[in-house]
Amino acid sequence: MEALKKKTNSKTSVSQPKEDKFISKILENLDKVNAQDWEQYANVQFHHPKNLFTKKEYQGFNTIALYIDTVVNKFKTSYYATFSSISKAGGKLKKGAKGTVIEFFNYVFKHKKTGKIFTSEQVSEMSSMERENISKIACLRNYTVFNSEFIENLEEININIDFEDENHELDFQKQAKCESFITKIIEDGNLKITYARLNIACYSPIEDYIAIPEKKFFVSEDRYYSTLFHEIIHWTGHESRLNRELKGHSDMTSYSFEELIAEMGSMLICLQFGITLEFINSVRYLKSWSVNNSENRIENIKKAFGSSKKAKKYLEQF
């Protein structure tokens, strides 16, 4: 998981579930950070992690995993690639290069009787009667990717990395998408939001509404939307919706876990709409949670990730 030699360690790859390897690497990076070091990351510009060769942006929690890897290890680039891709391009990794784990869902198409495997292209060409004999099986795979700074002959493989200055202000298009998203939940999901002069935002499970200061009282629109999305994720946990534990401060264990779900869900929605200035604060919260909840933290973070994705999917139905 951490060096090229580990790729051949079949005992490790068999004994540890793929989801655990993914989360373990995130926690391994977070464990490198001391609490007093957070300020040095606060002004680090967000660059969406991308594949070095295709320039495609990584999605979902892979973005979080690679962003943490970039920030914690102080990489100047957020381009990543697998060992296989780097080798095919003629690249060589530096001695001691450590990769990070990402996960990728794919589907395997298998004949119900013969067990023969088909590609998605082959299945698409089948008749409807033939497809009835095909099972579609979800398959989770882990890949180890390396930051491009680990490629010692990067210039020789002719990869041009050019970061353009980005405008980090929330533009009108992003704002419109956020407002449209929220409006649909209000209209179709009966979400109730009360704007009040409060110091904090909160969700009341008993009254089933969100109370939040007006946008003008926030230091930035990024902060406003990330805060509101956090509370909306809490809203999905109501007993009439996804029915999560919402005991609040009366049960600090469940409260802390619910806060983790809400923060992770907020991160996913923010990524969808290009809101990135508050990303480091969400990572800071994840670090704090992992330190204060050391028992079974891999299993618990895995559950929180799953619950936050379920909450986001619930919101997308409106």
Protein backbone atom coordinates (compact mmCIF):
# COMPACT_ATOMS: atom_id res chain seq x y z
CA MET A 1 0.00 0.00 0.00
CA GLU A 2 2.79 2.41 0.74
CA ALA A 3 5.66 1.31 -1.52
CA LEU A 4 6.13 -0.66 -4.72
CA LYS A 5 7.25 -3.74 -2.81
CA LYS A 6 3.90 -3.85 -1.05
CA LYS A 7 2.12 -4.49 -4.35
CA THR A 8 3.33 -8.10 -4.25
CA ASN A 9 2.28 -8.67 -0.66
CA SER A 10 -0.71 -10.89 -1.42
CA LYS A 11 -1.25 -11.76 2.24
CA THR A 12 -1.94 -8.11 3.05
CA SER A 13 -4.30 -7.61 0.13
CA VAL A 14 -6.32 -10.72 0.97
CA SER A 15 -6.62 -10.21 4.71
CA GLN A 16 -7.72 -6.57 4.64
CA PRO A 17 -11.08 -5.63 3.05
CA LYS A 18 -10.77 -3.20 0.15
CA GLU A 19 -12.88 -0.53 1.85
CA ASP A 20 -10.64 -0.74 4.93
CA LYS A 21 -7.49 -0.24 2.86
CA PHE A 22 -8.98 2.90 1.34
CA ILE A 23 -9.95 4.38 4.71
CA SER A 24 -6.74 3.20 6.40
CA LYS A 25 -4.70 5.27 3.97
CA ILE A 26 -6.79 8.36 4.67
CA LEU A 27 -6.27 7.89 8.41
CA GLU A 28 -2.58 7.20 7.92
CA ASN A 29 -2.21 10.60 6.26
CA LEU A 30 -4.32 12.38 8.86
CA ASP A 31 -2.23 10.84 11.64
CA LYS A 32 0.79 12.69 10.25
CA VAL A 33 -0.80 16.06 11.04
CA ASN A 34 -0.26 17.75 14.39
CA ALA A 35 -3.05 19.99 15.66
CA GLN A 36 -0.78 23.06 15.69
CA ASP A 37 0.05 22.56 12.01
CA TRP A 38 -3.42 23.23 10.63
CA GLU A 39 -2.85 26.94 10.02
CA GLN A 40 -0.13 26.25 7.47
CA TYR A 41 -2.73 24.41 5.36
CA ALA A 42 -5.45 27.07 5.70
CA ASN A 43 -4.29 29.15 2.73
CA VAL A 44 -3.37 26.26 0.46
CA GLN A 45 -5.21 26.66 -2.84
CA PHE A 46 -7.58 23.83 -3.67
CA HIS A 47 -6.77 22.00 -6.89
CA HIS A 48 -9.11 19.18 -7.81
CA PRO A 49 -7.05 15.94 -7.95
CA LYS A 50 -6.78 14.72 -11.53
CA ASN A 51 -5.38 11.79 -13.43
CA LEU A 52 -1.96 12.72 -14.78
CA PHE A 53 -2.59 11.34 -18.25
CA THR A 54 -6.31 11.76 -18.93
CA LYS A 55 -6.63 15.00 -16.92
CA LYS A 56 -10.00 13.71 -15.67
CA GLU A 57 -10.98 14.79 -12.17
CA TYR A 58 -11.31 12.12 -9.50
CA GLN A 59 -14.78 11.97 -7.98
CA GLY A 60 -16.47 11.52 -4.59
CA PHE A 61 -14.42 10.27 -1.68
CA ASN A 62 -11.44 9.65 -3.97
CA THR A 63 -11.23 13.45 -4.18
CA ILE A 64 -11.11 13.66 -0.39
CA ALA A 65 -8.48 10.92 -0.11
CA LEU A 66 -6.20 12.49 -2.73
CA TYR A 67 -6.71 16.05 -1.48
CA ILE A 68 -5.64 14.96 2.00
CA ASP A 69 -2.63 13.16 0.50
CA THR A 70 -1.65 16.27 -1.45
CA VAL A 71 -2.01 18.68 1.48
CA VAL A 72 -0.50 16.54 4.24
CA ASN A 73 2.52 15.57 2.16
CA LYS A 74 2.91 19.17 0.87
CA PHE A 75 2.87 18.18 -2.79
CA LYS A 76 2.90 21.07 -5.23
CA THR A 77 0.81 19.14 -7.73
CA SER A 78 -2.41 17.16 -7.40
CA TYR A 79 -1.88 14.94 -10.44
CA TYR A 80 -1.89 11.18 -9.81
CA ALA A 81 -1.41 7.98 -11.80
CA THR A 82 -1.05 4.25 -11.21
CA PHE A 83 2.30 2.48 -11.31
CA SER A 84 1.16 0.67 -14.46
CA SER A 85 0.30 3.89 -16.31
CA ILE A 86 3.53 5.56 -15.25
CA SER A 87 5.58 2.56 -16.40
CA LYS A 88 3.82 2.37 -19.77
CA ALA A 89 4.67 6.02 -20.33
CA GLY A 90 8.33 5.29 -19.61
CA GLY A 91 8.25 6.90 -16.19
CA LYS A 92 10.30 5.83 -13.18
CA LEU A 93 9.28 6.27 -9.58
CA LYS A 94 11.72 7.66 -7.05
CA LYS A 95 13.09 5.28 -4.45
CA GLY A 96 10.75 5.06 -1.46
CA ALA A 97 7.78 6.53 -3.36
CA LYS A 98 4.57 6.01 -1.42
CA GLY A 99 1.23 5.82 -3.13
CA THR A 100 -2.26 6.34 -1.80
CA VAL A 101 -5.32 4.14 -2.25
CA ILE A 102 -8.40 5.04 -4.27
CA GLU A 103 -11.48 2.92 -4.86
CA PHE A 104 -13.40 2.34 -8.04
CA PHE A 105 -16.75 0.65 -8.60
CA ASN A 106 -17.20 -1.34 -11.76
CA TYR A 107 -19.62 -3.98 -12.93
CA VAL A 108 -18.99 -7.56 -13.99
CA PHE A 109 -21.49 -9.17 -16.35
CA LYS A 110 -21.75 -12.91 -15.77
CA HIS A 111 -23.90 -15.62 -17.38
CA LYS A 112 -26.17 -17.11 -14.71
CA LYS A 113 -25.66 -20.72 -15.84
CA THR A 114 -22.26 -20.96 -17.53
CA GLY A 115 -20.43 -18.32 -15.45
CA LYS A 116 -18.97 -16.77 -18.61
CA ILE A 117 -17.90 -13.13 -18.24
CA PHE A 118 -19.01 -10.53 -20.79
CA THR A 119 -18.01 -6.92 -21.36
CA SER A 120 -20.58 -4.12 -21.11
CA GLU A 121 -20.27 -3.65 -24.89
CA GLN A 122 -21.12 -7.30 -25.49
CA VAL A 123 -24.13 -7.10 -23.19
CA SER A 124 -25.42 -3.96 -24.92
CA GLU A 125 -25.47 -5.85 -28.23
CA MET A 126 -27.51 -8.74 -26.78
CA SER A 127 -31.23 -9.15 -27.27
CA SER A 128 -33.54 -8.55 -24.33
CA MET A 129 -34.05 -12.31 -24.02
CA GLU A 130 -30.29 -12.95 -23.89
CA ARG A 131 -29.81 -10.27 -21.25
CA GLU A 132 -32.24 -12.06 -18.95
CA ASN A 133 -29.55 -14.73 -18.45
CA ILE A 134 -26.91 -12.16 -17.48
CA SER A 135 -26.23 -11.09 -13.90
CA LYS A 136 -24.87 -7.59 -13.27
CA ILE A 137 -22.51 -7.75 -10.29
CA ALA A 138 -21.05 -4.67 -8.61
CA CYS A 139 -17.31 -5.01 -8.08
CA LEU A 140 -15.20 -2.75 -5.83
CA ARG A 141 -11.55 -2.41 -6.76
CA ASN A 142 -8.70 -0.60 -5.08
CA TYR A 143 -5.91 1.09 -7.00
CA THR A 144 -2.72 2.60 -5.64
CA VAL A 145 -1.88 5.90 -7.31
CA PHE A 146 1.23 8.03 -6.98
CA ASN A 147 1.56 11.78 -6.98
CA SER A 148 3.44 12.97 -10.08
CA GLU A 149 6.19 14.45 -7.88
CA PHE A 150 7.34 10.88 -7.29
CA ILE A 151 8.17 10.47 -11.01
CA GLU A 152 11.90 11.14 -11.24
CA ASN A 153 11.91 11.54 -15.04
CA LEU A 154 8.64 13.43 -15.37
CA GLU A 155 10.03 15.84 -17.97
CA GLU A 156 11.26 12.95 -20.10
CA ILE A 157 7.79 11.48 -20.51
CA ASN A 158 6.65 14.86 -21.79
CA ILE A 159 3.81 15.54 -19.39
CA ASN A 160 3.03 19.24 -19.18
CA ILE A 161 1.47 20.34 -15.89
CA ASP A 162 0.26 23.91 -15.89
CA PHE A 163 -1.87 25.22 -13.04
CA GLU A 164 -3.89 28.20 -14.06
CA ASP A 165 -4.95 30.74 -11.47
CA GLU A 166 -8.47 29.95 -10.34
CA ASN A 167 -11.14 32.38 -9.27
CA HIS A 168 -12.23 31.08 -5.89
CA GLU A 169 -15.17 33.42 -5.51
CA LEU A 170 -18.50 31.67 -5.78
CA ASP A 171 -19.68 32.76 -9.22
CA PHE A 172 -23.28 33.28 -10.29
CA GLN A 173 -23.54 29.93 -12.05
CA LYS A 174 -22.47 28.00 -8.94
CA GLN A 175 -24.78 30.07 -6.79
CA ALA A 176 -27.70 29.39 -9.15
CA LYS A 177 -27.05 25.64 -9.06
CA CYS A 178 -26.91 25.66 -5.25
CA GLU A 179 -30.12 27.64 -4.97
CA SER A 180 -31.88 25.38 -7.48
CA PHE A 181 -30.77 22.31 -5.51
CA ILE A 182 -32.04 23.78 -2.23
CA THR A 183 -35.30 25.02 -3.76
CA LYS A 184 -36.18 21.57 -5.08
CA ILE A 185 -35.71 20.07 -1.61
CA ILE A 186 -37.87 22.82 -0.11
CA GLU A 187 -40.64 22.42 -2.67
CA ASP A 188 -40.63 18.65 -3.21
CA GLY A 189 -39.17 17.43 0.08
CA ASN A 190 -40.94 19.92 2.36
CA LEU A 191 -37.65 21.18 3.82
CA LYS A 192 -38.25 24.04 6.25
CA ILE A 193 -35.54 26.69 6.71
CA THR A 194 -35.81 29.57 9.16
CA TYR A 195 -33.45 32.51 8.76
CA ALA A 196 -32.65 34.14 12.09
CA ARG A 197 -29.96 36.21 13.80
CA LEU A 198 -28.15 33.33 15.42
CA ASN A 199 -24.47 32.68 16.09
CA ILE A 200 -24.75 29.13 14.79
CA ALA A 201 -26.81 27.06 12.39
CA CYS A 202 -28.73 24.04 13.68
CA TYR A 203 -31.30 21.41 12.80
CA SER A 204 -34.13 20.53 15.21
CA PRO A 205 -35.31 16.91 14.81
CA ILE A 206 -38.31 17.57 17.08
CA GLU A 207 -39.56 20.60 15.12
CA ASP A 208 -38.03 19.27 11.88
CA TYR A 209 -36.59 22.53 10.59
CA ILE A 210 -33.23 24.19 10.01
CA ALA A 211 -32.36 27.52 11.64
CA ILE A 212 -29.50 29.42 10.03
CA PRO A 213 -28.27 33.04 9.91
CA GLU A 214 -28.92 34.96 6.72
CA LYS A 215 -26.27 34.66 4.02
CA LYS A 216 -25.05 38.22 4.59
CA PHE A 217 -23.84 37.33 8.10
CA PHE A 218 -21.41 34.68 6.82
CA VAL A 219 -17.79 35.51 6.04
CA SER A 220 -18.26 34.05 2.55
CA GLU A 221 -20.86 32.37 0.36
CA ASP A 222 -18.75 29.20 0.44
CA ARG A 223 -19.12 29.13 4.23
CA TYR A 224 -22.87 29.74 3.98
CA TYR A 225 -23.54 26.93 1.51
CA SER A 226 -21.23 24.39 3.18
CA THR A 227 -22.96 25.14 6.51
CA LEU A 228 -26.44 24.86 5.04
CA PHE A 229 -25.59 21.60 3.25
CA HIS A 230 -24.28 20.24 6.57
CA GLU A 231 -27.63 20.96 8.22
CA ILE A 232 -29.57 19.56 5.26
CA ILE A 233 -27.70 16.27 5.64
CA HIS A 234 -28.84 16.25 9.30
CA TRP A 235 -32.39 16.83 7.98
CA THR A 236 -32.19 13.61 5.94
CA GLY A 237 -31.67 11.65 9.17
CA HIS A 238 -35.16 12.39 10.52
CA GLU A 239 -37.22 9.30 11.44
CA SER A 240 -39.59 10.02 8.54
CA ARG A 241 -36.68 9.93 6.07
CA LEU A 242 -33.49 7.87 6.59
CA ASN A 243 -34.11 7.36 10.31
CA ARG A 244 -30.62 7.85 11.77
CA GLU A 245 -29.78 8.36 15.44
CA LEU A 246 -30.40 12.06 16.15
CA LYS A 247 -30.16 12.13 19.94
CA GLY A 248 -28.02 15.26 19.98
CA HIS A 249 -25.87 16.15 22.98
CA SER A 250 -27.74 13.68 25.19
CA ASP A 251 -25.69 10.92 23.57
CA MET A 252 -22.25 12.22 22.62
CA THR A 253 -21.25 9.05 20.78
CA SER A 254 -24.18 9.13 18.36
CA TYR A 255 -23.96 12.94 18.18
CA SER A 256 -20.31 12.81 17.15
CA PHE A 257 -21.05 10.12 14.56
CA GLU A 258 -23.96 12.10 13.11
CA GLU A 259 -21.74 15.19 12.86
CA LEU A 260 -19.23 13.16 10.88
CA ILE A 261 -21.97 12.00 8.49
CA ALA A 262 -23.20 15.58 8.03
CA GLU A 263 -19.70 16.95 7.39
CA MET A 264 -18.84 14.23 4.88
CA GLY A 265 -22.17 14.70 3.11
CA SER A 266 -21.62 18.45 2.96
CA MET A 267 -18.19 17.86 1.40
CA LEU A 268 -19.71 15.69 -1.33
CA ILE A 269 -22.38 18.27 -2.20
CA CYS A 270 -19.84 21.12 -2.12
CA LEU A 271 -17.59 19.19 -4.51
CA GLN A 272 -20.54 18.70 -6.85
CA PHE A 273 -21.09 22.47 -7.03
CA GLY A 274 -17.43 23.50 -7.07
CA ILE A 275 -17.36 24.96 -3.54
CA THR A 276 -13.85 24.35 -2.22
CA LEU A 277 -12.74 27.13 0.15
CA GLU A 278 -14.20 25.34 3.18
CA PHE A 279 -12.75 21.97 2.23
CA ILE A 280 -9.75 22.20 4.55
CA ASN A 281 -12.04 22.85 7.53
CA SER A 282 -13.97 19.67 6.74
CA VAL A 283 -10.70 17.74 6.59
CA ARG A 284 -9.78 19.29 9.93
CA TYR A 285 -13.01 18.01 11.40
CA LEU A 286 -12.34 14.51 10.04
CA LYS A 287 -8.91 14.62 11.68
CA SER A 288 -10.40 15.75 15.00
CA TRP A 289 -13.06 13.07 14.90
CA SER A 290 -10.55 10.30 14.15
CA VAL A 291 -8.39 11.38 17.10
CA ASN A 292 -11.28 11.59 19.57
CA ASN A 293 -12.86 8.33 18.41
CA SER A 294 -9.91 5.97 18.16
CA GLU A 295 -11.87 2.77 18.87
CA ASN A 296 -13.07 0.98 15.73
CA ARG A 297 -12.49 4.19 13.78
CA ILE A 298 -11.97 2.46 10.42
CA GLU A 299 -15.28 0.65 10.71
CA ASN A 300 -17.08 3.77 11.94
CA ILE A 301 -15.69 6.07 9.24
CA LYS A 302 -16.62 3.47 6.64
CA LYS A 303 -20.20 3.50 7.98
CA ALA A 304 -20.23 7.32 8.05
CA PHE A 305 -19.03 7.51 4.45
CA GLY A 306 -21.78 5.09 3.42
CA SER A 307 -24.45 7.02 5.32
CA SER A 308 -23.35 10.36 3.85
CA LYS A 309 -23.50 8.98 0.31
CA LYS A 310 -26.95 7.56 1.04
CA ALA A 311 -28.06 10.98 2.34
CA LYS A 312 -26.78 12.73 -0.77
CA LYS A 313 -28.54 10.19 -2.99
CA TYR A 314 -31.75 10.78 -1.02
CA LEU A 315 -31.54 14.52 -1.71
CA GLU A 316 -30.96 13.95 -5.40
CA GLN A 317 -34.40 12.38 -5.80
CA PHE A 318 -36.07 15.79 -5.53
